[in-house]
Amino acid sequence: MTKHTSSSGINLPFMVGLSKKLGIRGLIASRTIKKHEIIERCPVLLSPIKDDQYLTKTVMNKYYYEWNSRYTAIAIGYGGLINHSFEPNARYCFNYRTRELIFKALRAIDPGEEILINYNYLPNSKEQVRPELVDYNSHDPT
């Protein structure tokens, strides 16, 4: 695992590592992350929803968020590596003014624990997610 710092030199509270549960890359806490602490702030690239037909044919299909009724957003930062769980320890929210995705801890996260979000936005949602998002072993866009 590699310890990461932000572009401003701030030590981030996670490392990119291998998910013990899923066997793919994910974010692993490198220190205790406090409840409600901001884990990551990701600027986003906005893409018109009308272009989703092209986006869904690429590997980026696994990494975009529904931003609003006009745009989808691609996180530029480590947020795109946070894996899904119906029992998340973090959540994401949108800052429309700054065009950022903000990831916060729902509870304290211990060092070595994987950071997980519910891809349905609401942490307690049990609604089925798009199948390609939970097909963790296939990152091939075809």
Foldseek 3Di string as FASTA:
>chain_A
DDFDADPVRHGAQWDWDADPVQRHTATFGQAKAAAFHWRDKFAWDWDFPVCVVVCLLALCVLAWACDDPTTIIGTDDRPSRAAADLQFQKAWDADVVRRIIIITGNHIHHGGHTGHAHSVRDSNDPDDDDVVNPPSVDSGSD
